[in-house]
Amino acid sequence: AISINLRRLGVNVKVGKGELTIKGHGRFKATKICSFGDHRIAMAFAIAGTVAEGPLEISGFDKITDSYPQFPIHLKSLGVKLEVVN
């Protein structure tokens, strides 16, 4: 999930046996992110959205409230713009 979504953001990622190599990158591009039903992936990429060139569309974002109900409110207070797809 992490490598797939990082690639969607335009990051050069290499996956090996038990490892993930990420090359430095500038701003992330606006894209569609798949949470794969995991609230942790949705939250991680919502945070990545704070430095994206435009809004990220994150599927499964509603799962975040399972572990952190105020997360969307706190994220919005930081000025993050997300397109939510449930």
C-alpha atoms as a PDB file:
ATOM      1  CA  ALA A   1       0.000   0.000   0.000  1.00  0.00           C
ATOM      2  CA  ILE A   2       2.800   2.412   0.884  1.00  0.00           C
ATOM      3  CA  SER A   3       4.894   1.851  -2.235  1.00  0.00           C
ATOM      4  CA  ILE A   4       1.851   1.959  -4.536  1.00  0.00           C
ATOM      5  CA  ASN A   5       0.648   5.240  -3.093  1.00  0.00           C
ATOM      6  CA  LEU A   6       4.109   6.812  -2.970  1.00  0.00           C
ATOM      7  CA  ARG A   7       4.489   6.021  -6.675  1.00  0.00           C
ATOM      8  CA  ARG A   8       1.118   7.679  -7.312  1.00  0.00           C
ATOM      9  CA  LEU A   9       2.514  10.772  -5.593  1.00  0.00           C
ATOM     10  CA  GLY A  10       5.437  10.713  -8.040  1.00  0.00           C
ATOM     11  CA  VAL A  11       8.052   9.299  -5.681  1.00  0.00           C
ATOM     12  CA  ASN A  12      10.798   6.960  -6.900  1.00  0.00           C
ATOM     13  CA  VAL A  13      10.356   3.832  -4.773  1.00  0.00           C
ATOM     14  CA  LYS A  14      12.189   0.508  -4.896  1.00  0.00           C
ATOM     15  CA  VAL A  15      10.779  -2.528  -3.116  1.00  0.00           C
ATOM     16  CA  GLY A  16      13.134  -5.345  -2.148  1.00  0.00           C
ATOM     17  CA  LYS A  17      13.126  -8.297   0.198  1.00  0.00           C
ATOM     18  CA  GLY A  18      11.898  -6.832   3.456  1.00  0.00           C
ATOM     19  CA  GLU A  19      12.898  -3.295   2.516  1.00  0.00           C
ATOM     20  CA  LEU A  20      11.583  -0.148   0.905  1.00  0.00           C
ATOM     21  CA  THR A  21      13.992   2.393  -0.584  1.00  0.00           C
ATOM     22  CA  ILE A  22      12.653   5.889  -1.158  1.00  0.00           C
ATOM     23  CA  LYS A  23      14.654   8.468  -3.124  1.00  0.00           C
ATOM     24  CA  GLY A  24      14.359  12.109  -2.082  1.00  0.00           C
ATOM     25  CA  HIS A  25      11.652  14.078  -3.782  1.00  0.00           C
ATOM     26  CA  GLY A  26      10.205  17.587  -3.958  1.00  0.00           C
ATOM     27  CA  ARG A  27       6.500  18.237  -3.581  1.00  0.00           C
ATOM     28  CA  PHE A  28       4.048  15.413  -4.112  1.00  0.00           C
ATOM     29  CA  LYS A  29       1.685  15.637  -7.044  1.00  0.00           C
ATOM     30  CA  ALA A  30      -2.072  15.690  -6.528  1.00  0.00           C
ATOM     31  CA  THR A  31      -3.459  12.210  -7.108  1.00  0.00           C
ATOM     32  CA  LYS A  32      -5.837   9.483  -5.997  1.00  0.00           C
ATOM     33  CA  ILE A  33      -4.724   7.465  -2.974  1.00  0.00           C
ATOM     34  CA  CYS A  34      -6.094   4.065  -1.989  1.00  0.00           C
ATOM     35  CA  SER A  35      -6.172   3.311   1.732  1.00  0.00           C
ATOM     36  CA  PHE A  36      -6.788  -0.390   1.073  1.00  0.00           C
ATOM     37  CA  GLY A  37      -9.272  -0.186   3.961  1.00  0.00           C
ATOM     38  CA  ASP A  38      -6.520   0.672   6.465  1.00  0.00           C
ATOM     39  CA  HIS A  39      -7.033   3.801   8.560  1.00  0.00           C
ATOM     40  CA  ARG A  40      -3.274   4.084   9.167  1.00  0.00           C
ATOM     41  CA  ILE A  41      -2.562   4.296   5.436  1.00  0.00           C
ATOM     42  CA  ALA A  42      -5.332   6.886   5.039  1.00  0.00           C
ATOM     43  CA  MET A  43      -3.886   9.001   7.869  1.00  0.00           C
ATOM     44  CA  ALA A  44      -0.296   8.707   6.644  1.00  0.00           C
ATOM     45  CA  PHE A  45      -1.198   9.914   3.169  1.00  0.00           C
ATOM     46  CA  ALA A  46      -3.478  12.624   4.522  1.00  0.00           C
ATOM     47  CA  ILE A  47      -0.377  13.964   6.272  1.00  0.00           C
ATOM     48  CA  ALA A  48       1.547  13.647   2.992  1.00  0.00           C
ATOM     49  CA  GLY A  49      -1.202  15.815   1.536  1.00  0.00           C
ATOM     50  CA  THR A  50       0.070  18.723   3.618  1.00  0.00           C
ATOM     51  CA  VAL A  51       2.953  19.086   1.139  1.00  0.00           C
ATOM     52  CA  ALA A  52       1.201  18.012  -2.061  1.00  0.00           C
ATOM     53  CA  GLU A  53       0.826  20.336  -5.049  1.00  0.00           C
ATOM     54  CA  GLY A  54      -2.939  19.950  -4.845  1.00  0.00           C
ATOM     55  CA  PRO A  55      -5.616  17.997  -3.021  1.00  0.00           C
ATOM     56  CA  LEU A  56      -5.337  14.249  -2.609  1.00  0.00           C
ATOM     57  CA  GLU A  57      -8.355  12.023  -3.137  1.00  0.00           C
ATOM     58  CA  ILE A  58      -8.193   9.312  -0.479  1.00  0.00           C
ATOM     59  CA  SER A  59     -10.484   6.302  -0.647  1.00  0.00           C
ATOM     60  CA  GLY A  60     -11.517   4.857   2.697  1.00  0.00           C
ATOM     61  CA  PHE A  61     -10.827   8.096   4.564  1.00  0.00           C
ATOM     62  CA  ASP A  62     -13.885   7.429   6.738  1.00  0.00           C
ATOM     63  CA  LYS A  63     -12.012   4.563   8.434  1.00  0.00           C
ATOM     64  CA  ILE A  64      -9.812   7.132  10.193  1.00  0.00           C
ATOM     65  CA  THR A  65     -12.520   7.885  12.721  1.00  0.00           C
ATOM     66  CA  ASP A  66     -12.204   4.292  14.005  1.00  0.00           C
ATOM     67  CA  SER A  67      -8.991   5.231  15.791  1.00  0.00           C
ATOM     68  CA  TYR A  68      -8.858   9.056  15.773  1.00  0.00           C
ATOM     69  CA  PRO A  69     -12.321  10.653  15.506  1.00  0.00           C
ATOM     70  CA  GLN A  70     -10.961  14.241  15.559  1.00  0.00           C
ATOM     71  CA  PHE A  71      -8.334  13.623  12.868  1.00  0.00           C
ATOM     72  CA  PRO A  72     -10.354  15.235  10.011  1.00  0.00           C
ATOM     73  CA  ILE A  73     -11.021  18.311  12.171  1.00  0.00           C
ATOM     74  CA  HIS A  74      -7.371  18.615  13.175  1.00  0.00           C
ATOM     75  CA  LEU A  75      -6.237  18.124   9.581  1.00  0.00           C
ATOM     76  CA  LYS A  76      -8.639  20.793   8.337  1.00  0.00           C
ATOM     77  CA  SER A  77      -7.292  23.189  10.963  1.00  0.00           C
ATOM     78  CA  LEU A  78      -3.880  22.815   9.258  1.00  0.00           C
ATOM     79  CA  GLY A  79      -5.403  23.926   5.958  1.00  0.00           C
ATOM     80  CA  VAL A  80      -5.151  20.534   4.265  1.00  0.00           C
ATOM     81  CA  LYS A  81      -7.558  20.108   1.366  1.00  0.00           C
ATOM     82  CA  LEU A  82      -8.646  16.543   0.652  1.00  0.00           C
ATOM     83  CA  GLU A  83     -11.214  14.950  -1.592  1.00  0.00           C
ATOM     84  CA  VAL A  84     -12.802  12.179   0.462  1.00  0.00           C
ATOM     85  CA  VAL A  85     -14.027   9.038  -1.293  1.00  0.00           C
ATOM     86  CA  ASN A  86     -15.620   6.407   0.896  1.00  0.00           C
END
